[in-house]
Amino acid sequence: MSSDEFPKEFSPEELINLYKKMLLIRSFEERITKDAGKIKSPLVHPYIGEEAIAVGACAAINEDDYITSTHRGHGHFLAKGGDLNSLMAEIYGKKDGMCKGRGGSMHVADFSKHMLGANGIVGAGPPLALGVALASKLRNEGRVILTFFGDGAANQGMLHESMNLAAAWKLPIIFMLENNLYGWSTPSANVTAIKDFSLRAQGYGMKGLSINGNDIIEVYKTVKEAVEFARKGGGPTLIECKTYRWGGQTTMDADKYRSTEEKEEWKRKCPIEAYKTRLIRGELVDQQIIQEIEEKTLILIDESVKFSKKSPKPDPNTALDNVYKNPIEYGGN
């Protein structure tokens, strides 16, 4: 194992835990993709193939730092420490879901973990992150926020407004662009003239980097440096993580716009397999340990499904709880 193979600040156990988290996300997504017709959120956006970004990035921040997510948010939720059982129950539309069955697949959130929510509106996370980052700066909290978005959102006006203000006010935001090459069925190369989205950072006076989003260590190191820069008052960074989603845009996407050859090429770049190989080469694990991890992960997934099926359905009488109330009806004017 070379001296720069792994970050020195990680213990062997912590390095193995990165693998466990990626595998947990993969296994979760595979299960709900398989069971899509049986659950209350049939339209789900799998994160399979992109796991290194969420896990690597969230490993680079503190527990009290924030993240915002996308419609493809299960991986971000689990990487930030969200509870597996509550996530599965939410997908099943049950009362024990983290949003009590109200949010479904595209709106998972856990404020206790500073995971401020997934969002069904493309590109809506960065403006939310902007407000959180401004509050953090005004309160001198020293916290940063990662805001995840895809290449489809990279051409949305509200993203650019957010980057402009973040740079002008030197806010502690890391813009995490997960470039999986397609905005639904549209290749990003067909609607964007530049090869690297990170070049756009220059127009706002911020740092911009394009990295291999399938390399969890590269993601971690890059985000870690950007986080330290932000905490010191340096301002935001745009990090483009180049990756690939293995499946269609959703579980209802026939995915006929991509060739089999392209998909197979990217599957050979699997972030989980690549990291597993590094762990074995570094003598941190062997095949027996890997097998045990895989078996335990599947047990956790099975238990979360059982938990969800046993969970009660939300009471229809609570449908209006925690939502807008008419101010006149409730004493307002």
C-alpha atoms as a PDB file:
ATOM      1  CA  MET A   1       0.000   0.000   0.000  1.00  0.00           C
ATOM      2  CA  SER A   2       1.473   3.348  -1.023  1.00  0.00           C
ATOM      3  CA  SER A   3       1.605   6.147   1.532  1.00  0.00           C
ATOM      4  CA  ASP A   4      -1.007   8.167  -0.372  1.00  0.00           C
ATOM      5  CA  GLU A   5      -3.399   5.264  -0.987  1.00  0.00           C
ATOM      6  CA  PHE A   6      -5.729   6.378   1.820  1.00  0.00           C
ATOM      7  CA  PRO A   7      -6.133   9.583   3.838  1.00  0.00           C
ATOM      8  CA  LYS A   8      -3.941   9.385   6.929  1.00  0.00           C
ATOM      9  CA  GLU A   9      -6.682  10.777   9.176  1.00  0.00           C
ATOM     10  CA  PHE A  10      -8.798   7.644   8.701  1.00  0.00           C
ATOM     11  CA  SER A  11      -8.427   4.549  10.847  1.00  0.00           C
ATOM     12  CA  PRO A  12      -8.695   1.129   9.143  1.00  0.00           C
ATOM     13  CA  GLU A  13     -12.194   0.761  10.611  1.00  0.00           C
ATOM     14  CA  GLU A  14     -13.277   4.117   9.199  1.00  0.00           C
ATOM     15  CA  LEU A  15     -11.934   3.196   5.773  1.00  0.00           C
ATOM     16  CA  ILE A  16     -13.920  -0.031   5.840  1.00  0.00           C
ATOM     17  CA  ASN A  17     -17.006   1.878   6.951  1.00  0.00           C
ATOM     18  CA  LEU A  18     -16.833   3.918   3.739  1.00  0.00           C
ATOM     19  CA  TYR A  19     -17.184   0.665   1.825  1.00  0.00           C
ATOM     20  CA  LYS A  20     -20.057  -0.434   4.056  1.00  0.00           C
ATOM     21  CA  LYS A  21     -21.935   2.809   3.409  1.00  0.00           C
ATOM     22  CA  MET A  22     -21.540   2.586  -0.343  1.00  0.00           C
ATOM     23  CA  LEU A  23     -22.683  -1.026  -0.292  1.00  0.00           C
ATOM     24  CA  LEU A  24     -25.666  -0.149   1.902  1.00  0.00           C
ATOM     25  CA  ILE A  25     -26.764   2.521  -0.573  1.00  0.00           C
ATOM     26  CA  ARG A  26     -26.337   0.146  -3.516  1.00  0.00           C
ATOM     27  CA  SER A  27     -28.255  -2.638  -1.770  1.00  0.00           C
ATOM     28  CA  PHE A  28     -31.051  -0.270  -0.740  1.00  0.00           C
ATOM     29  CA  GLU A  29     -31.471   1.031  -4.271  1.00  0.00           C
ATOM     30  CA  GLU A  30     -31.422  -2.445  -5.754  1.00  0.00           C
ATOM     31  CA  ARG A  31     -34.159  -3.563  -3.373  1.00  0.00           C
ATOM     32  CA  ILE A  32     -36.529  -0.664  -3.976  1.00  0.00           C
ATOM     33  CA  THR A  33     -35.894  -0.900  -7.720  1.00  0.00           C
ATOM     34  CA  LYS A  34     -36.848  -4.572  -7.587  1.00  0.00           C
ATOM     35  CA  ASP A  35     -39.919  -3.872  -5.418  1.00  0.00           C
ATOM     36  CA  ALA A  36     -41.005  -0.686  -7.209  1.00  0.00           C
ATOM     37  CA  GLY A  37     -44.392  -2.110  -8.102  1.00  0.00           C
ATOM     38  CA  LYS A  38     -45.146  -3.101  -4.498  1.00  0.00           C
ATOM     39  CA  ILE A  39     -44.400   0.140  -2.704  1.00  0.00           C
ATOM     40  CA  LYS A  40     -46.128   3.494  -2.404  1.00  0.00           C
ATOM     41  CA  SER A  41     -43.378   5.361  -4.256  1.00  0.00           C
ATOM     42  CA  PRO A  42     -43.272   3.523  -7.599  1.00  0.00           C
ATOM     43  CA  LEU A  43     -41.499   6.419  -9.301  1.00  0.00           C
ATOM     44  CA  VAL A  44     -38.046   6.315  -7.741  1.00  0.00           C
ATOM     45  CA  HIS A  45     -34.750   7.676  -9.039  1.00  0.00           C
ATOM     46  CA  PRO A  46     -32.007   5.105  -8.273  1.00  0.00           C
ATOM     47  CA  TYR A  47     -28.548   6.297  -7.213  1.00  0.00           C
ATOM     48  CA  ILE A  48     -26.820   3.113  -8.387  1.00  0.00           C
ATOM     49  CA  GLY A  49     -23.370   3.892  -9.781  1.00  0.00           C
ATOM     50  CA  GLU A  50     -22.962   7.239  -8.011  1.00  0.00           C
ATOM     51  CA  GLU A  51     -22.418   6.052  -4.427  1.00  0.00           C
ATOM     52  CA  ALA A  52     -18.830   7.282  -4.099  1.00  0.00           C
ATOM     53  CA  ILE A  53     -19.926  10.908  -4.404  1.00  0.00           C
ATOM     54  CA  ALA A  54     -22.394  10.942  -1.514  1.00  0.00           C
ATOM     55  CA  VAL A  55     -20.235   8.847   0.809  1.00  0.00           C
ATOM     56  CA  GLY A  56     -16.947  10.544  -0.017  1.00  0.00           C
ATOM     57  CA  ALA A  57     -18.401  14.048   0.264  1.00  0.00           C
ATOM     58  CA  CYS A  58     -20.295  13.449   3.505  1.00  0.00           C
ATOM     59  CA  ALA A  59     -17.191  11.882   5.045  1.00  0.00           C
ATOM     60  CA  ALA A  60     -15.438  15.210   4.505  1.00  0.00           C
ATOM     61  CA  ILE A  61     -17.834  17.277   6.624  1.00  0.00           C
ATOM     62  CA  ASN A  62     -18.840  17.359  10.286  1.00  0.00           C
ATOM     63  CA  GLU A  63     -22.049  15.966  11.729  1.00  0.00           C
ATOM     64  CA  ASP A  64     -23.421  19.480  12.282  1.00  0.00           C
ATOM     65  CA  ASP A  65     -22.677  20.596   8.730  1.00  0.00           C
ATOM     66  CA  TYR A  66     -25.589  20.649   6.309  1.00  0.00           C
ATOM     67  CA  ILE A  67     -26.516  19.117   2.986  1.00  0.00           C
ATOM     68  CA  THR A  68     -29.321  19.635   0.495  1.00  0.00           C
ATOM     69  CA  SER A  69     -30.250  16.899  -1.911  1.00  0.00           C
ATOM     70  CA  THR A  70     -32.008  16.172  -5.203  1.00  0.00           C
ATOM     71  CA  HIS A  71     -34.853  14.005  -6.450  1.00  0.00           C
ATOM     72  CA  ARG A  72     -32.199  11.232  -6.439  1.00  0.00           C
ATOM     73  CA  GLY A  73     -31.620  11.623  -2.720  1.00  0.00           C
ATOM     74  CA  HIS A  74     -31.583   8.243  -0.962  1.00  0.00           C
ATOM     75  CA  GLY A  75     -27.803   7.976  -1.211  1.00  0.00           C
ATOM     76  CA  HIS A  76     -27.286  11.426   0.265  1.00  0.00           C
ATOM     77  CA  PHE A  77     -29.669  10.612   3.110  1.00  0.00           C
ATOM     78  CA  LEU A  78     -27.861   7.399   4.067  1.00  0.00           C
ATOM     79  CA  ALA A  79     -24.409   8.909   3.588  1.00  0.00           C
ATOM     80  CA  LYS A  80     -25.308  11.711   6.022  1.00  0.00           C
ATOM     81  CA  GLY A  81     -26.256   9.154   8.655  1.00  0.00           C
ATOM     82  CA  GLY A  82     -29.992   8.905   8.085  1.00  0.00           C
ATOM     83  CA  ASP A  83     -31.787   5.878   9.543  1.00  0.00           C
ATOM     84  CA  LEU A  84     -32.256   2.994   7.114  1.00  0.00           C
ATOM     85  CA  ASN A  85     -35.539   1.774   8.615  1.00  0.00           C
ATOM     86  CA  SER A  86     -37.138   5.218   8.521  1.00  0.00           C
ATOM     87  CA  LEU A  87     -36.020   5.683   4.915  1.00  0.00           C
ATOM     88  CA  MET A  88     -37.476   2.368   3.798  1.00  0.00           C
ATOM     89  CA  ALA A  89     -40.712   3.062   5.694  1.00  0.00           C
ATOM     90  CA  GLU A  90     -40.981   6.425   3.972  1.00  0.00           C
ATOM     91  CA  ILE A  91     -40.627   4.766   0.574  1.00  0.00           C
ATOM     92  CA  TYR A  92     -43.421   2.412   1.619  1.00  0.00           C
ATOM     93  CA  GLY A  93     -45.545   5.407   2.640  1.00  0.00           C
ATOM     94  CA  LYS A  94     -45.764   4.347   6.287  1.00  0.00           C
ATOM     95  CA  LYS A  95     -46.185   6.277   9.520  1.00  0.00           C
ATOM     96  CA  ASP A  96     -42.722   5.313  10.776  1.00  0.00           C
ATOM     97  CA  GLY A  97     -41.072   6.926   7.779  1.00  0.00           C
ATOM     98  CA  MET A  98     -38.889   9.910   8.566  1.00  0.00           C
ATOM     99  CA  CYS A  99     -41.553  12.171   7.014  1.00  0.00           C
ATOM    100  CA  LYS A 100     -44.364   9.963   8.358  1.00  0.00           C
ATOM    101  CA  GLY A 101     -45.178   8.693   4.886  1.00  0.00           C
ATOM    102  CA  ARG A 102     -45.882  12.162   3.502  1.00  0.00           C
ATOM    103  CA  GLY A 103     -42.693  12.793   1.566  1.00  0.00           C
ATOM    104  CA  GLY A 104     -42.089   9.641  -0.413  1.00  0.00           C
ATOM    105  CA  SER A 105     -39.011   8.961  -2.486  1.00  0.00           C
ATOM    106  CA  MET A 106     -38.291  12.478  -3.764  1.00  0.00           C
ATOM    107  CA  HIS A 107     -38.694  14.367  -0.484  1.00  0.00           C
ATOM    108  CA  VAL A 108     -36.669  12.482   2.123  1.00  0.00           C
ATOM    109  CA  ALA A 109     -35.225  14.653   4.877  1.00  0.00           C
ATOM    110  CA  ASP A 110     -33.802  14.411   8.375  1.00  0.00           C
ATOM    111  CA  PHE A 111     -33.189  17.727  10.087  1.00  0.00           C
ATOM    112  CA  SER A 112     -31.655  15.946  13.094  1.00  0.00           C
ATOM    113  CA  LYS A 113     -28.822  14.894  10.760  1.00  0.00           C
ATOM    114  CA  HIS A 114     -28.753  18.329   9.096  1.00  0.00           C
ATOM    115  CA  MET A 115     -29.987  16.687   5.911  1.00  0.00           C
ATOM    116  CA  LEU A 116     -32.327  19.449   4.781  1.00  0.00           C
ATOM    117  CA  GLY A 117     -34.212  17.445   2.246  1.00  0.00           C
ATOM    118  CA  ALA A 118     -34.422  16.061  -1.234  1.00  0.00           C
ATOM    119  CA  ASN A 119     -36.331  18.091  -3.776  1.00  0.00           C
ATOM    120  CA  GLY A 120     -38.547  17.204  -6.710  1.00  0.00           C
ATOM    121  CA  ILE A 121     -37.816  20.550  -8.390  1.00  0.00           C
ATOM    122  CA  VAL A 122     -34.702  20.362 -10.549  1.00  0.00           C
ATOM    123  CA  GLY A 123     -32.058  22.751  -9.243  1.00  0.00           C
ATOM    124  CA  ALA A 124     -34.012  23.915  -6.193  1.00  0.00           C
ATOM    125  CA  GLY A 125     -31.415  22.798  -3.639  1.00  0.00           C
ATOM    126  CA  PRO A 126     -28.765  25.506  -4.229  1.00  0.00           C
ATOM    127  CA  PRO A 127     -31.070  28.473  -3.404  1.00  0.00           C
ATOM    128  CA  LEU A 128     -32.036  26.748  -0.147  1.00  0.00           C
ATOM    129  CA  ALA A 129     -28.377  26.120   0.601  1.00  0.00           C
ATOM    130  CA  LEU A 130     -27.636  29.779  -0.066  1.00  0.00           C
ATOM    131  CA  GLY A 131     -29.915  30.842   2.794  1.00  0.00           C
ATOM    132  CA  VAL A 132     -28.451  28.294   5.189  1.00  0.00           C
ATOM    133  CA  ALA A 133     -24.905  29.338   4.310  1.00  0.00           C
ATOM    134  CA  LEU A 134     -25.734  33.011   4.804  1.00  0.00           C
ATOM    135  CA  ALA A 135     -27.259  32.242   8.219  1.00  0.00           C
ATOM    136  CA  SER A 136     -24.203  30.231   9.193  1.00  0.00           C
ATOM    137  CA  LYS A 137     -21.907  33.088   8.242  1.00  0.00           C
ATOM    138  CA  LEU A 138     -23.963  35.773  10.006  1.00  0.00           C
ATOM    139  CA  ARG A 139     -24.100  33.660  13.171  1.00  0.00           C
ATOM    140  CA  ASN A 140     -20.382  32.800  12.983  1.00  0.00           C
ATOM    141  CA  GLU A 141     -21.268  29.098  13.316  1.00  0.00           C
ATOM    142  CA  GLY A 142     -18.354  27.877  11.230  1.00  0.00           C
ATOM    143  CA  ARG A 143     -20.598  25.382   9.455  1.00  0.00           C
ATOM    144  CA  VAL A 144     -20.558  24.583   5.763  1.00  0.00           C
ATOM    145  CA  ILE A 145     -23.239  23.208   3.477  1.00  0.00           C
ATOM    146  CA  LEU A 146     -22.925  20.805   0.571  1.00  0.00           C
ATOM    147  CA  THR A 147     -25.589  21.239  -2.074  1.00  0.00           C
ATOM    148  CA  PHE A 148     -25.937  18.331  -4.496  1.00  0.00           C
ATOM    149  CA  PHE A 149     -27.389  18.767  -7.985  1.00  0.00           C
ATOM    150  CA  GLY A 150     -27.110  17.107 -11.374  1.00  0.00           C
ATOM    151  CA  ASP A 151     -26.006  18.114 -14.848  1.00  0.00           C
ATOM    152  CA  GLY A 152     -29.657  18.728 -15.722  1.00  0.00           C
ATOM    153  CA  ALA A 153     -29.802  21.369 -13.008  1.00  0.00           C
ATOM    154  CA  ALA A 154     -26.486  22.858 -14.103  1.00  0.00           C
ATOM    155  CA  ASN A 155     -28.269  24.946 -16.732  1.00  0.00           C
ATOM    156  CA  GLN A 156     -31.004  26.226 -14.428  1.00  0.00           C
ATOM    157  CA  GLY A 157     -31.004  29.952 -13.761  1.00  0.00           C
ATOM    158  CA  MET A 158     -31.509  29.648 -10.007  1.00  0.00           C
ATOM    159  CA  LEU A 159     -28.257  27.679  -9.713  1.00  0.00           C
ATOM    160  CA  HIS A 160     -26.329  30.488 -11.366  1.00  0.00           C
ATOM    161  CA  GLU A 161     -28.009  33.128  -9.223  1.00  0.00           C
ATOM    162  CA  SER A 162     -26.991  31.084  -6.181  1.00  0.00           C
ATOM    163  CA  MET A 163     -23.382  30.711  -7.310  1.00  0.00           C
ATOM    164  CA  ASN A 164     -23.144  34.429  -8.038  1.00  0.00           C
ATOM    165  CA  LEU A 165     -24.341  35.459  -4.573  1.00  0.00           C
ATOM    166  CA  ALA A 166     -22.349  32.725  -2.836  1.00  0.00           C
ATOM    167  CA  ALA A 167     -19.167  33.999  -4.465  1.00  0.00           C
ATOM    168  CA  ALA A 168     -19.984  37.679  -3.943  1.00  0.00           C
ATOM    169  CA  TRP A 169     -20.681  37.133  -0.246  1.00  0.00           C
ATOM    170  CA  LYS A 170     -18.004  34.426   0.218  1.00  0.00           C
ATOM    171  CA  LEU A 171     -20.510  31.983   1.681  1.00  0.00           C
ATOM    172  CA  PRO A 172     -19.486  28.534   2.971  1.00  0.00           C
ATOM    173  CA  ILE A 173     -21.128  26.438   0.228  1.00  0.00           C
ATOM    174  CA  ILE A 174     -19.718  23.536  -1.728  1.00  0.00           C
ATOM    175  CA  PHE A 175     -21.622  23.131  -4.995  1.00  0.00           C
ATOM    176  CA  MET A 176     -21.576  19.366  -5.691  1.00  0.00           C
ATOM    177  CA  LEU A 177     -22.412  18.755  -9.347  1.00  0.00           C
ATOM    178  CA  GLU A 178     -23.112  15.065  -9.958  1.00  0.00           C
ATOM    179  CA  ASN A 179     -22.607  14.843 -13.712  1.00  0.00           C
ATOM    180  CA  ASN A 180     -24.054  11.462 -14.732  1.00  0.00           C
ATOM    181  CA  LEU A 181     -24.073  12.635 -18.377  1.00  0.00           C
ATOM    182  CA  TYR A 182     -27.835  12.683 -18.918  1.00  0.00           C
ATOM    183  CA  GLY A 183     -30.694  15.003 -17.993  1.00  0.00           C
ATOM    184  CA  TRP A 184     -33.378  12.323 -18.264  1.00  0.00           C
ATOM    185  CA  SER A 185     -32.769  11.204 -21.879  1.00  0.00           C
ATOM    186  CA  THR A 186     -30.850  14.283 -23.045  1.00  0.00           C
ATOM    187  CA  PRO A 187     -27.043  13.966 -23.151  1.00  0.00           C
ATOM    188  CA  SER A 188     -25.575  16.948 -21.347  1.00  0.00           C
ATOM    189  CA  ALA A 189     -23.072  17.314 -24.183  1.00  0.00           C
ATOM    190  CA  ASN A 190     -25.976  18.136 -26.523  1.00  0.00           C
ATOM    191  CA  VAL A 191     -27.086  21.163 -24.523  1.00  0.00           C
ATOM    192  CA  THR A 192     -23.828  22.421 -23.027  1.00  0.00           C
ATOM    193  CA  ALA A 193     -20.930  23.758 -25.085  1.00  0.00           C
ATOM    194  CA  ILE A 194     -18.152  23.294 -22.528  1.00  0.00           C
ATOM    195  CA  LYS A 195     -16.636  19.919 -21.697  1.00  0.00           C
ATOM    196  CA  ASP A 196     -16.135  20.626 -17.996  1.00  0.00           C
ATOM    197  CA  PHE A 197     -18.923  22.320 -16.050  1.00  0.00           C
ATOM    198  CA  SER A 198     -16.344  23.402 -13.482  1.00  0.00           C
ATOM    199  CA  LEU A 199     -15.112  26.051 -15.944  1.00  0.00           C
ATOM    200  CA  ARG A 200     -18.223  28.053 -15.154  1.00  0.00           C
ATOM    201  CA  ALA A 201     -16.857  28.784 -11.690  1.00  0.00           C
ATOM    202  CA  GLN A 202     -14.417  31.252 -13.238  1.00  0.00           C
ATOM    203  CA  GLY A 203     -17.307  33.481 -14.266  1.00  0.00           C
ATOM    204  CA  TYR A 204     -18.325  33.866 -10.636  1.00  0.00           C
ATOM    205  CA  GLY A 205     -14.881  34.248  -9.134  1.00  0.00           C
ATOM    206  CA  MET A 206     -14.863  30.938  -7.292  1.00  0.00           C
ATOM    207  CA  LYS A 207     -12.814  27.775  -7.406  1.00  0.00           C
ATOM    208  CA  GLY A 208     -13.927  25.110  -9.855  1.00  0.00           C
ATOM    209  CA  LEU A 209     -12.730  21.520 -10.142  1.00  0.00           C
ATOM    210  CA  SER A 210     -13.684  18.486 -12.231  1.00  0.00           C
ATOM    211  CA  ILE A 211     -12.911  15.113 -10.670  1.00  0.00           C
ATOM    212  CA  ASN A 212     -13.555  11.398 -11.016  1.00  0.00           C
ATOM    213  CA  GLY A 213     -16.829  10.941  -9.161  1.00  0.00           C
ATOM    214  CA  ASN A 214     -16.321   7.169  -9.059  1.00  0.00           C
ATOM    215  CA  ASP A 215     -13.184   7.484  -6.917  1.00  0.00           C
ATOM    216  CA  ILE A 216     -14.334   7.865  -3.310  1.00  0.00           C
ATOM    217  CA  ILE A 217     -10.902   8.931  -2.065  1.00  0.00           C
ATOM    218  CA  GLU A 218     -10.560  11.620  -4.719  1.00  0.00           C
ATOM    219  CA  VAL A 219     -14.037  12.879  -3.855  1.00  0.00           C
ATOM    220  CA  TYR A 220     -13.209  12.941  -0.142  1.00  0.00           C
ATOM    221  CA  LYS A 221      -9.881  14.759  -0.562  1.00  0.00           C
ATOM    222  CA  THR A 222     -11.317  17.337  -2.955  1.00  0.00           C
ATOM    223  CA  VAL A 223     -14.331  18.110  -0.787  1.00  0.00           C
ATOM    224  CA  LYS A 224     -12.191  18.179   2.360  1.00  0.00           C
ATOM    225  CA  GLU A 225      -9.947  20.843   0.871  1.00  0.00           C
ATOM    226  CA  ALA A 226     -12.948  22.878  -0.287  1.00  0.00           C
ATOM    227  CA  VAL A 227     -14.555  22.609   3.155  1.00  0.00           C
ATOM    228  CA  GLU A 228     -11.419  23.823   4.913  1.00  0.00           C
ATOM    229  CA  PHE A 229     -11.195  26.722   2.456  1.00  0.00           C
ATOM    230  CA  ALA A 230     -14.833  27.652   3.126  1.00  0.00           C
ATOM    231  CA  ARG A 231     -14.452  27.481   6.924  1.00  0.00           C
ATOM    232  CA  LYS A 232     -11.576  29.961   6.712  1.00  0.00           C
ATOM    233  CA  GLY A 233     -13.804  32.450   4.923  1.00  0.00           C
ATOM    234  CA  GLY A 234     -12.523  31.697   1.426  1.00  0.00           C
ATOM    235  CA  GLY A 235     -15.985  31.223  -0.026  1.00  0.00           C
ATOM    236  CA  PRO A 236     -17.607  28.585  -2.213  1.00  0.00           C
ATOM    237  CA  THR A 237     -16.229  25.924  -4.549  1.00  0.00           C
ATOM    238  CA  LEU A 238     -17.854  24.213  -7.515  1.00  0.00           C
ATOM    239  CA  ILE A 239     -16.925  20.533  -7.735  1.00  0.00           C
ATOM    240  CA  GLU A 240     -18.019  18.590 -10.808  1.00  0.00           C
ATOM    241  CA  CYS A 241     -18.036  14.854 -10.076  1.00  0.00           C
ATOM    242  CA  LYS A 242     -18.093  12.884 -13.307  1.00  0.00           C
ATOM    243  CA  THR A 243     -20.047   9.665 -12.922  1.00  0.00           C
ATOM    244  CA  TYR A 244     -22.833   7.586 -14.470  1.00  0.00           C
ATOM    245  CA  ARG A 245     -26.209   6.292 -13.389  1.00  0.00           C
ATOM    246  CA  TRP A 246     -26.493   2.617 -14.215  1.00  0.00           C
ATOM    247  CA  GLY A 247     -30.251   2.534 -14.610  1.00  0.00           C
ATOM    248  CA  GLY A 248     -32.808   4.761 -16.239  1.00  0.00           C
ATOM    249  CA  GLN A 249     -33.762   8.171 -14.966  1.00  0.00           C
ATOM    250  CA  THR A 250     -36.494   6.463 -12.947  1.00  0.00           C
ATOM    251  CA  THR A 251     -37.748   2.932 -12.441  1.00  0.00           C
ATOM    252  CA  MET A 252     -40.365   3.704 -15.122  1.00  0.00           C
ATOM    253  CA  ASP A 253     -37.789   4.787 -17.704  1.00  0.00           C
ATOM    254  CA  ALA A 254     -37.363   2.288 -20.580  1.00  0.00           C
ATOM    255  CA  ASP A 255     -33.819   3.668 -21.012  1.00  0.00           C
ATOM    256  CA  LYS A 256     -33.654   3.106 -24.785  1.00  0.00           C
ATOM    257  CA  TYR A 257     -31.555   6.200 -25.452  1.00  0.00           C
ATOM    258  CA  ARG A 258     -28.274   4.695 -24.199  1.00  0.00           C
ATOM    259  CA  SER A 259     -26.320   1.884 -25.806  1.00  0.00           C
ATOM    260  CA  THR A 260     -25.565  -1.367 -24.030  1.00  0.00           C
ATOM    261  CA  GLU A 261     -21.891  -0.806 -24.776  1.00  0.00           C
ATOM    262  CA  GLU A 262     -21.889   2.551 -23.004  1.00  0.00           C
ATOM    263  CA  LYS A 263     -23.594   1.157 -19.926  1.00  0.00           C
ATOM    264  CA  GLU A 264     -21.284  -1.832 -19.740  1.00  0.00           C
ATOM    265  CA  GLU A 265     -18.231   0.405 -20.082  1.00  0.00           C
ATOM    266  CA  TRP A 266     -19.300   2.455 -17.073  1.00  0.00           C
ATOM    267  CA  LYS A 267     -20.217  -0.602 -15.033  1.00  0.00           C
ATOM    268  CA  ARG A 268     -16.606  -1.699 -15.377  1.00  0.00           C
ATOM    269  CA  LYS A 269     -15.765   1.558 -13.570  1.00  0.00           C
ATOM    270  CA  CYS A 270     -17.959   0.606 -10.589  1.00  0.00           C
ATOM    271  CA  PRO A 271     -16.997   2.814  -7.610  1.00  0.00           C
ATOM    272  CA  ILE A 272     -17.708   0.065  -5.084  1.00  0.00           C
ATOM    273  CA  GLU A 273     -15.660  -2.589  -6.857  1.00  0.00           C
ATOM    274  CA  ALA A 274     -12.808  -0.133  -7.363  1.00  0.00           C
ATOM    275  CA  TYR A 275     -12.715   0.762  -3.678  1.00  0.00           C
ATOM    276  CA  LYS A 276     -13.021  -2.867  -2.601  1.00  0.00           C
ATOM    277  CA  THR A 277      -9.969  -3.663  -4.717  1.00  0.00           C
ATOM    278  CA  ARG A 278      -8.035  -0.889  -2.967  1.00  0.00           C
ATOM    279  CA  LEU A 279      -9.017  -2.188   0.464  1.00  0.00           C
ATOM    280  CA  ILE A 280      -7.883  -5.696  -0.442  1.00  0.00           C
ATOM    281  CA  ARG A 281      -4.650  -4.411  -1.956  1.00  0.00           C
ATOM    282  CA  GLY A 282      -4.030  -2.418   1.206  1.00  0.00           C
ATOM    283  CA  GLU A 283      -4.623  -5.568   3.279  1.00  0.00           C
ATOM    284  CA  LEU A 284      -7.441  -3.929   5.213  1.00  0.00           C
ATOM    285  CA  VAL A 285      -9.902  -6.651   4.237  1.00  0.00           C
ATOM    286  CA  ASP A 286      -9.904 -10.054   2.600  1.00  0.00           C
ATOM    287  CA  GLN A 287     -12.554 -11.942   0.649  1.00  0.00           C
ATOM    288  CA  GLN A 288     -14.012 -13.480   3.808  1.00  0.00           C
ATOM    289  CA  ILE A 289     -14.502 -10.073   5.434  1.00  0.00           C
ATOM    290  CA  ILE A 290     -16.032  -8.733   2.208  1.00  0.00           C
ATOM    291  CA  GLN A 291     -18.471 -11.642   2.106  1.00  0.00           C
ATOM    292  CA  GLU A 292     -19.457 -11.050   5.735  1.00  0.00           C
ATOM    293  CA  ILE A 293     -20.072  -7.357   5.029  1.00  0.00           C
ATOM    294  CA  GLU A 294     -22.221  -8.204   2.012  1.00  0.00           C
ATOM    295  CA  GLU A 295     -24.269 -10.733   3.977  1.00  0.00           C
ATOM    296  CA  LYS A 296     -24.817  -8.369   6.907  1.00  0.00           C
ATOM    297  CA  THR A 297     -25.833  -5.578   4.533  1.00  0.00           C
ATOM    298  CA  LEU A 298     -28.506  -7.729   2.908  1.00  0.00           C
ATOM    299  CA  ILE A 299     -29.796  -8.682   6.358  1.00  0.00           C
ATOM    300  CA  LEU A 300     -30.119  -4.980   7.236  1.00  0.00           C
ATOM    301  CA  ILE A 301     -32.065  -4.379   4.028  1.00  0.00           C
ATOM    302  CA  ASP A 302     -34.362  -7.345   4.694  1.00  0.00           C
ATOM    303  CA  GLU A 303     -35.003  -6.136   8.238  1.00  0.00           C
ATOM    304  CA  SER A 304     -35.833  -2.639   7.006  1.00  0.00           C
ATOM    305  CA  VAL A 305     -38.414  -4.089   4.602  1.00  0.00           C
ATOM    306  CA  LYS A 306     -39.968  -6.133   7.420  1.00  0.00           C
ATOM    307  CA  PHE A 307     -40.004  -3.021   9.611  1.00  0.00           C
ATOM    308  CA  SER A 308     -41.761  -1.066   6.871  1.00  0.00           C
ATOM    309  CA  LYS A 309     -44.394  -3.694   6.214  1.00  0.00           C
ATOM    310  CA  LYS A 310     -45.234  -3.852   9.929  1.00  0.00           C
ATOM    311  CA  SER A 311     -45.409  -0.081  10.266  1.00  0.00           C
ATOM    312  CA  PRO A 312     -48.960   1.343  10.311  1.00  0.00           C
ATOM    313  CA  LYS A 313     -50.336   3.478   7.524  1.00  0.00           C
ATOM    314  CA  PRO A 314     -50.636   7.198   8.279  1.00  0.00           C
ATOM    315  CA  ASP A 315     -53.949   8.231   9.817  1.00  0.00           C
ATOM    316  CA  PRO A 316     -55.914  10.174   7.153  1.00  0.00           C
ATOM    317  CA  ASN A 317     -57.172  12.481   9.906  1.00  0.00           C
ATOM    318  CA  THR A 318     -53.597  13.804  10.318  1.00  0.00           C
ATOM    319  CA  ALA A 319     -53.228  14.728   6.636  1.00  0.00           C
ATOM    320  CA  LEU A 320     -53.291  18.457   7.394  1.00  0.00           C
ATOM    321  CA  ASP A 321     -50.919  18.313  10.351  1.00  0.00           C
ATOM    322  CA  ASN A 322     -47.779  20.435   9.984  1.00  0.00           C
ATOM    323  CA  VAL A 323     -49.007  22.158   6.841  1.00  0.00           C
ATOM    324  CA  TYR A 324     -50.366  25.632   6.075  1.00  0.00           C
ATOM    325  CA  LYS A 325     -53.411  26.724   8.070  1.00  0.00           C
ATOM    326  CA  ASN A 326     -55.812  29.464   7.010  1.00  0.00           C
ATOM    327  CA  PRO A 327     -54.766  32.469   9.197  1.00  0.00           C
ATOM    328  CA  ILE A 328     -58.330  33.842   9.323  1.00  0.00           C
ATOM    329  CA  GLU A 329     -59.748  30.519  10.479  1.00  0.00           C
ATOM    330  CA  TYR A 330     -57.089  30.323  13.182  1.00  0.00           C
ATOM    331  CA  GLY A 331     -57.446  33.837  14.518  1.00  0.00           C
ATOM    332  CA  GLY A 332     -55.286  35.750  12.073  1.00  0.00           C
ATOM    333  CA  ASN A 333     -56.308  38.812  10.087  1.00  0.00           C
END
